[in-house]
Amino acid sequence: MPKPPPQWTLIRTDTFRRELRNYLKRHPDRAAVVREVLALLEENPQTPSLRLHPLKGRMKGLHAVRLTYGDRITLILAIRAHEIVLLNIGTHDEVYY
């Protein structure tokens, strides 16, 4: 049976692309995890394993998902357009500047 088309469109910003390249250079063993998380985001960002949560303070309006125990991806959910704008990837301290 063919896989259904994604429900959400992932938009990779230039910053995200650059940070993703750097992240995968530092952690090549996590490439499969990144692919899996991005696929889950396309299917349903509310998937419990992603632990999608809104951010507070100066990052209010953004969301984050868990990549690994200490690593996150920050993003914007454009719910009306079913778009997810990927902003950054890295450790907790790197993405929560």
PDB file of N, CA and C in Angstrom:
ATOM      1  N   MET A   1       0.847  -1.174   0.000  1.00  0.00           N
ATOM      2  CA  MET A   1       0.000   0.000   0.000  1.00  0.00           C
ATOM      3  C   MET A   1       0.902   1.250   0.000  1.00  0.00           C
ATOM      4  N   PRO A   2       0.668   2.201  -0.891  1.00  0.00           N
ATOM      5  CA  PRO A   2       1.504   3.405  -0.941  1.00  0.00           C
ATOM      6  C   PRO A   2       1.314   4.257   0.310  1.00  0.00           C
ATOM      7  N   LYS A   3       2.389   4.946   0.674  1.00  0.00           N
ATOM      8  CA  LYS A   3       2.368   5.838   1.832  1.00  0.00           C
ATOM      9  C   LYS A   3       1.545   7.084   1.496  1.00  0.00           C
ATOM     10  N   PRO A   4       0.661   7.529   2.401  1.00  0.00           N
ATOM     11  CA  PRO A   4      -0.141   8.725   2.110  1.00  0.00           C
ATOM     12  C   PRO A   4       0.747   9.968   2.045  1.00  0.00           C
ATOM     13  N   PRO A   5       0.314  10.977   1.295  1.00  0.00           N
ATOM     14  CA  PRO A   5       1.111  12.206   1.200  1.00  0.00           C
ATOM     15  C   PRO A   5       1.182  12.902   2.561  1.00  0.00           C
ATOM     16  N   PRO A   6       2.241  13.669   2.795  1.00  0.00           N
ATOM     17  CA  PRO A   6       2.367  14.354   4.085  1.00  0.00           C
ATOM     18  C   PRO A   6       1.239  15.356   4.308  1.00  0.00           C
ATOM     19  N   GLN A   7       0.859  15.505   5.562  1.00  0.00           N
ATOM     20  CA  GLN A   7      -0.183  16.457   5.937  1.00  0.00           C
ATOM     21  C   GLN A   7       0.361  17.879   6.056  1.00  0.00           C
ATOM     22  N   TRP A   8       1.640  17.990   6.414  1.00  0.00           N
ATOM     23  CA  TRP A   8       2.268  19.284   6.655  1.00  0.00           C
ATOM     24  C   TRP A   8       3.428  19.479   5.695  1.00  0.00           C
ATOM     25  N   THR A   9       3.688  20.730   5.339  1.00  0.00           N
ATOM     26  CA  THR A   9       4.821  21.069   4.486  1.00  0.00           C
ATOM     27  C   THR A   9       5.937  21.604   5.368  1.00  0.00           C
ATOM     28  N   LEU A  10       7.140  21.040   5.242  1.00  0.00           N
ATOM     29  CA  LEU A  10       8.292  21.521   5.992  1.00  0.00           C
ATOM     30  C   LEU A  10       9.027  22.562   5.161  1.00  0.00           C
ATOM     31  N   ILE A  11       9.235  23.713   5.741  1.00  0.00           N
ATOM     32  CA  ILE A  11       9.977  24.789   5.090  1.00  0.00           C
ATOM     33  C   ILE A  11      11.294  24.942   5.834  1.00  0.00           C
ATOM     34  N   ARG A  12      12.378  24.658   5.147  1.00  0.00           N
ATOM     35  CA  ARG A  12      13.710  24.717   5.754  1.00  0.00           C
ATOM     36  C   ARG A  12      14.326  26.084   5.482  1.00  0.00           C
ATOM     37  N   THR A  13      14.527  26.872   6.536  1.00  0.00           N
ATOM     38  CA  THR A  13      15.167  28.170   6.373  1.00  0.00           C
ATOM     39  C   THR A  13      16.649  27.961   6.063  1.00  0.00           C
ATOM     40  N   ASP A  14      17.293  29.003   5.540  1.00  0.00           N
ATOM     41  CA  ASP A  14      18.732  28.919   5.270  1.00  0.00           C
ATOM     42  C   ASP A  14      19.502  28.631   6.548  1.00  0.00           C
ATOM     43  N   THR A  15      19.096  29.269   7.637  1.00  0.00           N
ATOM     44  CA  THR A  15      19.758  29.029   8.928  1.00  0.00           C
ATOM     45  C   THR A  15      19.611  27.577   9.338  1.00  0.00           C
ATOM     46  N   PHE A  16      18.410  27.029   9.191  1.00  0.00           N
ATOM     47  CA  PHE A  16      18.203  25.626   9.555  1.00  0.00           C
ATOM     48  C   PHE A  16      19.077  24.710   8.709  1.00  0.00           C
ATOM     49  N   ARG A  17      19.151  24.960   7.414  1.00  0.00           N
ATOM     50  CA  ARG A  17      19.979  24.113   6.541  1.00  0.00           C
ATOM     51  C   ARG A  17      21.443  24.144   6.986  1.00  0.00           C
ATOM     52  N   ARG A  18      21.941  25.335   7.277  1.00  0.00           N
ATOM     53  CA  ARG A  18      23.331  25.492   7.722  1.00  0.00           C
ATOM     54  C   ARG A  18      23.555  24.781   9.058  1.00  0.00           C
ATOM     55  N   GLU A  19      22.653  25.002  10.007  1.00  0.00           N
ATOM     56  CA  GLU A  19      22.795  24.380  11.315  1.00  0.00           C
ATOM     57  C   GLU A  19      22.643  22.868  11.231  1.00  0.00           C
ATOM     58  N   LEU A  20      21.791  22.386  10.338  1.00  0.00           N
ATOM     59  CA  LEU A  20      21.634  20.949  10.157  1.00  0.00           C
ATOM     60  C   LEU A  20      22.928  20.330   9.638  1.00  0.00           C
ATOM     61  N   ARG A  21      23.554  20.970   8.651  1.00  0.00           N
ATOM     62  CA  ARG A  21      24.843  20.464   8.141  1.00  0.00           C
ATOM     63  C   ARG A  21      25.866  20.392   9.270  1.00  0.00           C
ATOM     64  N   ASN A  22      25.966  21.469  10.055  1.00  0.00           N
ATOM     65  CA  ASN A  22      26.922  21.496  11.170  1.00  0.00           C
ATOM     66  C   ASN A  22      26.585  20.438  12.215  1.00  0.00           C
ATOM     67  N   TYR A  23      25.304  20.292  12.521  1.00  0.00           N
ATOM     68  CA  TYR A  23      24.858  19.315  13.514  1.00  0.00           C
ATOM     69  C   TYR A  23      25.231  17.902  13.069  1.00  0.00           C
ATOM     70  N   LEU A  24      24.984  17.591  11.800  1.00  0.00           N
ATOM     71  CA  LEU A  24      25.283  16.245  11.303  1.00  0.00           C
ATOM     72  C   LEU A  24      26.780  15.993  11.172  1.00  0.00           C
ATOM     73  N   LYS A  25      27.587  17.051  10.984  1.00  0.00           N
ATOM     74  CA  LYS A  25      29.043  16.876  11.007  1.00  0.00           C
ATOM     75  C   LYS A  25      29.500  16.493  12.412  1.00  0.00           C
ATOM     76  N   ARG A  26      28.902  17.141  13.418  1.00  0.00           N
ATOM     77  CA  ARG A  26      29.270  16.848  14.812  1.00  0.00           C
ATOM     78  C   ARG A  26      28.687  15.526  15.292  1.00  0.00           C
ATOM     79  N   HIS A  27      27.514  15.152  14.760  1.00  0.00           N
ATOM     80  CA  HIS A  27      26.790  13.962  15.224  1.00  0.00           C
ATOM     81  C   HIS A  27      26.305  13.127  14.030  1.00  0.00           C
ATOM     82  N   PRO A  28      27.210  12.548  13.238  1.00  0.00           N
ATOM     83  CA  PRO A  28      26.771  11.782  12.066  1.00  0.00           C
ATOM     84  C   PRO A  28      25.902  10.583  12.435  1.00  0.00           C
ATOM     85  N   ASP A  29      26.036  10.095  13.640  1.00  0.00           N
ATOM     86  CA  ASP A  29      25.249   8.944  14.081  1.00  0.00           C
ATOM     87  C   ASP A  29      23.780   9.280  14.299  1.00  0.00           C
ATOM     88  N   ARG A  30      23.421  10.550  14.284  1.00  0.00           N
ATOM     89  CA  ARG A  30      22.036  10.961  14.529  1.00  0.00           C
ATOM     90  C   ARG A  30      21.258  11.280  13.258  1.00  0.00           C
ATOM     91  N   ALA A  31      21.826  11.016  12.093  1.00  0.00           N
ATOM     92  CA  ALA A  31      21.163  11.331  10.823  1.00  0.00           C
ATOM     93  C   ALA A  31      19.823  10.604  10.705  1.00  0.00           C
ATOM     94  N   ALA A  32      19.776   9.345  11.105  1.00  0.00           N
ATOM     95  CA  ALA A  32      18.522   8.586  11.021  1.00  0.00           C
ATOM     96  C   ALA A  32      17.467   9.169  11.954  1.00  0.00           C
ATOM     97  N   VAL A  33      17.882   9.629  13.119  1.00  0.00           N
ATOM     98  CA  VAL A  33      16.943  10.234  14.078  1.00  0.00           C
ATOM     99  C   VAL A  33      16.377  11.521  13.496  1.00  0.00           C
ATOM    100  N   VAL A  34      17.220  12.329  12.867  1.00  0.00           N
ATOM    101  CA  VAL A  34      16.761  13.578  12.252  1.00  0.00           C
ATOM    102  C   VAL A  34      15.741  13.273  11.163  1.00  0.00           C
ATOM    103  N   ARG A  35      16.045  12.302  10.296  1.00  0.00           N
ATOM    104  CA  ARG A  35      15.106  11.932   9.227  1.00  0.00           C
ATOM    105  C   ARG A  35      13.766  11.480   9.816  1.00  0.00           C
ATOM    106  N   GLU A  36      13.827  10.672  10.863  1.00  0.00           N
ATOM    107  CA  GLU A  36      12.598  10.171  11.479  1.00  0.00           C
ATOM    108  C   GLU A  36      11.770  11.305  12.080  1.00  0.00           C
ATOM    109  N   VAL A  37      12.424  12.230  12.779  1.00  0.00           N
ATOM    110  CA  VAL A  37      11.701  13.351  13.396  1.00  0.00           C
ATOM    111  C   VAL A  37      11.077  14.235  12.323  1.00  0.00           C
ATOM    112  N   LEU A  38      11.804  14.519  11.262  1.00  0.00           N
ATOM    113  CA  LEU A  38      11.248  15.350  10.183  1.00  0.00           C
ATOM    114  C   LEU A  38      10.074  14.644   9.505  1.00  0.00           C
ATOM    115  N   ALA A  39      10.160  13.334   9.335  1.00  0.00           N
ATOM    116  CA  ALA A  39       9.046  12.583   8.739  1.00  0.00           C
ATOM    117  C   ALA A  39       7.821  12.631   9.650  1.00  0.00           C
ATOM    118  N   LEU A  40       8.033  12.492  10.963  1.00  0.00           N
ATOM    119  CA  LEU A  40       6.924  12.574  11.910  1.00  0.00           C
ATOM    120  C   LEU A  40       6.292  13.962  11.902  1.00  0.00           C
ATOM    121  N   LEU A  41       7.119  14.994  11.786  1.00  0.00           N
ATOM    122  CA  LEU A  41       6.587  16.368  11.710  1.00  0.00           C
ATOM    123  C   LEU A  41       5.694  16.529  10.489  1.00  0.00           C
ATOM    124  N   GLU A  42       6.104  15.968   9.363  1.00  0.00           N
ATOM    125  CA  GLU A  42       5.292  16.054   8.143  1.00  0.00           C
ATOM    126  C   GLU A  42       3.961  15.342   8.305  1.00  0.00           C
ATOM    127  N   GLU A  43       3.986  14.205   8.986  1.00  0.00           N
ATOM    128  CA  GLU A  43       2.762  13.430   9.166  1.00  0.00           C
ATOM    129  C   GLU A  43       1.826  14.075  10.183  1.00  0.00           C
ATOM    130  N   ASN A  44       2.376  14.373  11.368  1.00  0.00           N
ATOM    131  CA  ASN A  44       1.552  14.933  12.447  1.00  0.00           C
ATOM    132  C   ASN A  44       2.457  15.517  13.528  1.00  0.00           C
ATOM    133  N   PRO A  45       2.570  16.838  13.610  1.00  0.00           N
ATOM    134  CA  PRO A  45       3.440  17.434  14.628  1.00  0.00           C
ATOM    135  C   PRO A  45       2.987  17.157  16.060  1.00  0.00           C
ATOM    136  N   GLN A  46       1.758  16.692  16.226  1.00  0.00           N
ATOM    137  CA  GLN A  46       1.252  16.391  17.566  1.00  0.00           C
ATOM    138  C   GLN A  46       1.606  14.968  18.015  1.00  0.00           C
ATOM    139  N   THR A  47       2.383  14.234  17.231  1.00  0.00           N
ATOM    140  CA  THR A  47       2.807  12.893  17.616  1.00  0.00           C
ATOM    141  C   THR A  47       3.472  12.972  18.989  1.00  0.00           C
ATOM    142  N   PRO A  48       3.007  12.192  19.965  1.00  0.00           N
ATOM    143  CA  PRO A  48       3.513  12.312  21.340  1.00  0.00           C
ATOM    144  C   PRO A  48       5.025  12.184  21.483  1.00  0.00           C
ATOM    145  N   SER A  49       5.664  11.343  20.692  1.00  0.00           N
ATOM    146  CA  SER A  49       7.107  11.151  20.835  1.00  0.00           C
ATOM    147  C   SER A  49       7.909  12.406  20.490  1.00  0.00           C
ATOM    148  N   LEU A  50       7.315  13.333  19.723  1.00  0.00           N
ATOM    149  CA  LEU A  50       8.012  14.574  19.376  1.00  0.00           C
ATOM    150  C   LEU A  50       8.057  15.559  20.545  1.00  0.00           C
ATOM    151  N   ARG A  51       7.109  15.421  21.450  1.00  0.00           N
ATOM    152  CA  ARG A  51       7.013  16.331  22.600  1.00  0.00           C
ATOM    153  C   ARG A  51       6.997  17.796  22.165  1.00  0.00           C
ATOM    154  N   LEU A  52       6.163  18.092  21.191  1.00  0.00           N
ATOM    155  CA  LEU A  52       5.991  19.460  20.713  1.00  0.00           C
ATOM    156  C   LEU A  52       5.516  20.331  21.865  1.00  0.00           C
ATOM    157  N   HIS A  53       6.194  21.462  22.056  1.00  0.00           N
ATOM    158  CA  HIS A  53       5.790  22.363  23.130  1.00  0.00           C
ATOM    159  C   HIS A  53       6.076  23.810  22.740  1.00  0.00           C
ATOM    160  N   PRO A  54       5.206  24.726  23.189  1.00  0.00           N
ATOM    161  CA  PRO A  54       5.424  26.148  22.907  1.00  0.00           C
ATOM    162  C   PRO A  54       6.548  26.672  23.797  1.00  0.00           C
ATOM    163  N   LEU A  55       7.250  27.663  23.281  1.00  0.00           N
ATOM    164  CA  LEU A  55       8.329  28.282  24.039  1.00  0.00           C
ATOM    165  C   LEU A  55       7.831  29.556  24.711  1.00  0.00           C
ATOM    166  N   LYS A  56       8.560  29.975  25.728  1.00  0.00           N
ATOM    167  CA  LYS A  56       8.161  31.157  26.502  1.00  0.00           C
ATOM    168  C   LYS A  56       9.242  32.226  26.418  1.00  0.00           C
ATOM    169  N   GLY A  57       8.975  33.334  27.069  1.00  0.00           N
ATOM    170  CA  GLY A  57       9.957  34.417  27.129  1.00  0.00           C
ATOM    171  C   GLY A  57      10.174  35.053  25.781  1.00  0.00           C
ATOM    172  N   ARG A  58      11.434  35.343  25.475  1.00  0.00           N
ATOM    173  CA  ARG A  58      11.717  36.038  24.208  1.00  0.00           C
ATOM    174  C   ARG A  58      11.536  35.136  22.992  1.00  0.00           C
ATOM    175  N   MET A  59      11.325  33.839  23.208  1.00  0.00           N
ATOM    176  CA  MET A  59      11.073  32.912  22.104  1.00  0.00           C
ATOM    177  C   MET A  59       9.588  32.570  21.989  1.00  0.00           C
ATOM    178  N   LYS A  60       8.752  33.366  22.670  1.00  0.00           N
ATOM    179  CA  LYS A  60       7.308  33.154  22.619  1.00  0.00           C
ATOM    180  C   LYS A  60       6.831  33.204  21.164  1.00  0.00           C
ATOM    181  N   GLY A  61       5.927  32.320  20.809  1.00  0.00           N
ATOM    182  CA  GLY A  61       5.431  32.239  19.434  1.00  0.00           C
ATOM    183  C   GLY A  61       6.096  31.114  18.654  1.00  0.00           C
ATOM    184  N   LEU A  62       7.222  30.601  19.192  1.00  0.00           N
ATOM    185  CA  LEU A  62       7.912  29.489  18.563  1.00  0.00           C
ATOM    186  C   LEU A  62       7.578  28.205  19.314  1.00  0.00           C
ATOM    187  N   HIS A  63       7.870  27.093  18.685  1.00  0.00           N
ATOM    188  CA  HIS A  63       7.687  25.782  19.301  1.00  0.00           C
ATOM    189  C   HIS A  63       8.994  25.015  19.174  1.00  0.00           C
ATOM    190  N   ALA A  64       9.083  23.921  19.903  1.00  0.00           N
ATOM    191  CA  ALA A  64      10.238  23.042  19.803  1.00  0.00           C
ATOM    192  C   ALA A  64       9.771  21.601  19.859  1.00  0.00           C
ATOM    193  N   VAL A  65      10.558  20.732  19.250  1.00  0.00           N
ATOM    194  CA  VAL A  65      10.341  19.296  19.353  1.00  0.00           C
ATOM    195  C   VAL A  65      11.647  18.670  19.816  1.00  0.00           C
ATOM    196  N   ARG A  66      11.509  17.523  20.459  1.00  0.00           N
ATOM    197  CA  ARG A  66      12.668  16.814  20.975  1.00  0.00           C
ATOM    198  C   ARG A  66      13.260  15.946  19.874  1.00  0.00           C
ATOM    199  N   LEU A  67      14.552  16.102  19.679  1.00  0.00           N
ATOM    200  CA  LEU A  67      15.291  15.279  18.726  1.00  0.00           C
ATOM    201  C   LEU A  67      15.941  14.108  19.479  1.00  0.00           C
ATOM    202  N   THR A  68      16.655  14.433  20.532  1.00  0.00           N
ATOM    203  CA  THR A  68      17.206  13.449  21.466  1.00  0.00           C
ATOM    204  C   THR A  68      16.964  14.019  22.853  1.00  0.00           C
ATOM    205  N   TYR A  69      17.476  13.356  23.862  1.00  0.00           N
ATOM    206  CA  TYR A  69      17.268  13.843  25.231  1.00  0.00           C
ATOM    207  C   TYR A  69      17.718  15.293  25.382  1.00  0.00           C
ATOM    208  N   GLY A  70      18.869  15.650  24.820  1.00  0.00           N
ATOM    209  CA  GLY A  70      19.401  17.002  24.998  1.00  0.00           C
ATOM    210  C   GLY A  70      19.321  17.889  23.779  1.00  0.00           C
ATOM    211  N   ASP A  71      18.850  17.376  22.645  1.00  0.00           N
ATOM    212  CA  ASP A  71      18.842  18.148  21.401  1.00  0.00           C
ATOM    213  C   ASP A  71      17.420  18.467  20.970  1.00  0.00           C
ATOM    214  N   ARG A  72      17.267  19.644  20.357  1.00  0.00           N
ATOM    215  CA  ARG A  72      15.944  20.127  19.957  1.00  0.00           C
ATOM    216  C   ARG A  72      15.975  20.692  18.537  1.00  0.00           C
ATOM    217  N   ILE A  73      14.782  20.813  17.966  1.00  0.00           N
ATOM    218  CA  ILE A  73      14.565  21.552  16.723  1.00  0.00           C
ATOM    219  C   ILE A  73      13.553  22.631  17.073  1.00  0.00           C
ATOM    220  N   THR A  74      13.870  23.894  16.777  1.00  0.00           N
ATOM    221  CA  THR A  74      12.895  24.967  16.992  1.00  0.00           C
ATOM    222  C   THR A  74      12.178  25.228  15.674  1.00  0.00           C
ATOM    223  N   LEU A  75      10.903  25.617  15.793  1.00  0.00           N
ATOM    224  CA  LEU A  75      10.093  25.776  14.592  1.00  0.00           C
ATOM    225  C   LEU A  75       8.928  26.718  14.839  1.00  0.00           C
ATOM    226  N   ILE A  76       8.305  27.108  13.755  1.00  0.00           N
ATOM    227  CA  ILE A  76       7.060  27.876  13.786  1.00  0.00           C
ATOM    228  C   ILE A  76       6.003  27.002  13.117  1.00  0.00           C
ATOM    229  N   LEU A  77       4.869  26.864  13.757  1.00  0.00           N
ATOM    230  CA  LEU A  77       3.750  26.138  13.148  1.00  0.00           C
ATOM    231  C   LEU A  77       2.798  27.157  12.526  1.00  0.00           C
ATOM    232  N   ALA A  78       2.616  27.084  11.226  1.00  0.00           N
ATOM    233  CA  ALA A  78       1.637  27.922  10.548  1.00  0.00           C
ATOM    234  C   ALA A  78       0.414  27.037  10.323  1.00  0.00           C
ATOM    235  N   ILE A  79      -0.463  26.999  11.307  1.00  0.00           N
ATOM    236  CA  ILE A  79      -1.545  26.023  11.329  1.00  0.00           C
ATOM    237  C   ILE A  79      -2.513  26.208  10.167  1.00  0.00           C
ATOM    238  N   ARG A  80      -2.857  27.434   9.829  1.00  0.00           N
ATOM    239  CA  ARG A  80      -3.818  27.641   8.740  1.00  0.00           C
ATOM    240  C   ARG A  80      -3.290  27.136   7.414  1.00  0.00           C
ATOM    241  N   ALA A  81      -1.993  27.272   7.198  1.00  0.00           N
ATOM    242  CA  ALA A  81      -1.411  26.859   5.924  1.00  0.00           C
ATOM    243  C   ALA A  81      -0.833  25.444   5.994  1.00  0.00           C
ATOM    244  N   HIS A  82      -0.930  24.808   7.147  1.00  0.00           N
ATOM    245  CA  HIS A  82      -0.335  23.489   7.349  1.00  0.00           C
ATOM    246  C   HIS A  82       1.130  23.489   6.948  1.00  0.00           C
ATOM    247  N   GLU A  83       1.837  24.503   7.408  1.00  0.00           N
ATOM    248  CA  GLU A  83       3.266  24.620   7.153  1.00  0.00           C
ATOM    249  C   GLU A  83       4.017  24.621   8.472  1.00  0.00           C
ATOM    250  N   ILE A  84       5.210  24.057   8.435  1.00  0.00           N
ATOM    251  CA  ILE A  84       6.108  24.081   9.577  1.00  0.00           C
ATOM    252  C   ILE A  84       7.404  24.701   9.094  1.00  0.00           C
ATOM    253  N   VAL A  85       7.761  25.841   9.666  1.00  0.00           N
ATOM    254  CA  VAL A  85       8.992  26.531   9.303  1.00  0.00           C
ATOM    255  C   VAL A  85      10.066  26.088  10.291  1.00  0.00           C
ATOM    256  N   LEU A  86      11.070  25.380   9.785  1.00  0.00           N
ATOM    257  CA  LEU A  86      12.156  24.884  10.620  1.00  0.00           C
ATOM    258  C   LEU A  86      13.189  25.980  10.785  1.00  0.00           C
ATOM    259  N   LEU A  87      13.513  26.329  12.022  1.00  0.00           N
ATOM    260  CA  LEU A  87      14.392  27.455  12.291  1.00  0.00           C
ATOM    261  C   LEU A  87      15.793  27.056  12.716  1.00  0.00           C
ATOM    262  N   ASN A  88      15.916  26.060  13.599  1.00  0.00           N
ATOM    263  CA  ASN A  88      17.216  25.753  14.156  1.00  0.00           C
ATOM    264  C   ASN A  88      17.238  24.315  14.645  1.00  0.00           C
ATOM    265  N   ILE A  89      18.433  23.778  14.792  1.00  0.00           N
ATOM    266  CA  ILE A  89      18.635  22.438  15.332  1.00  0.00           C
ATOM    267  C   ILE A  89      19.915  22.465  16.152  1.00  0.00           C
ATOM    268  N   GLY A  90      19.904  21.791  17.261  1.00  0.00           N
ATOM    269  CA  GLY A  90      21.110  21.738  18.084  1.00  0.00           C
ATOM    270  C   GLY A  90      20.794  21.331  19.502  1.00  0.00           C
ATOM    271  N   THR A  91      21.784  21.521  20.367  1.00  0.00           N
ATOM    272  CA  THR A  91      21.585  21.180  21.767  1.00  0.00           C
ATOM    273  C   THR A  91      20.606  22.154  22.389  1.00  0.00           C
ATOM    274  N   HIS A  92      20.135  21.790  23.541  1.00  0.00           N
ATOM    275  CA  HIS A  92      19.197  22.632  24.297  1.00  0.00           C
ATOM    276  C   HIS A  92      19.744  24.054  24.421  1.00  0.00           C
ATOM    277  N   ASP A  93      20.989  24.193  24.837  1.00  0.00           N
ATOM    278  CA  ASP A  93      21.572  25.524  25.037  1.00  0.00           C
ATOM    279  C   ASP A  93      21.793  26.272  23.729  1.00  0.00           C
ATOM    280  N   GLU A  94      22.054  25.563  22.641  1.00  0.00           N
ATOM    281  CA  GLU A  94      22.267  26.226  21.356  1.00  0.00           C
ATOM    282  C   GLU A  94      20.988  26.793  20.776  1.00  0.00           C
ATOM    283  N   VAL A  95      19.892  26.081  20.884  1.00  0.00           N
ATOM    284  CA  VAL A  95      18.661  26.550  20.250  1.00  0.00           C
ATOM    285  C   VAL A  95      17.855  27.469  21.136  1.00  0.00           C
ATOM    286  N   TYR A  96      18.044  27.404  22.447  1.00  0.00           N
ATOM    287  CA  TYR A  96      17.329  28.293  23.368  1.00  0.00           C
ATOM    288  C   TYR A  96      18.244  29.442  23.760  1.00  0.00           C
ATOM    289  N   TYR A  97      18.659  30.188  22.788  1.00  0.00           N
ATOM    290  CA  TYR A  97      19.581  31.283  23.014  1.00  0.00           C
ATOM    291  C   TYR A  97      18.939  32.258  23.891  1.00  0.00           C
TER     292      TYR A  97
END
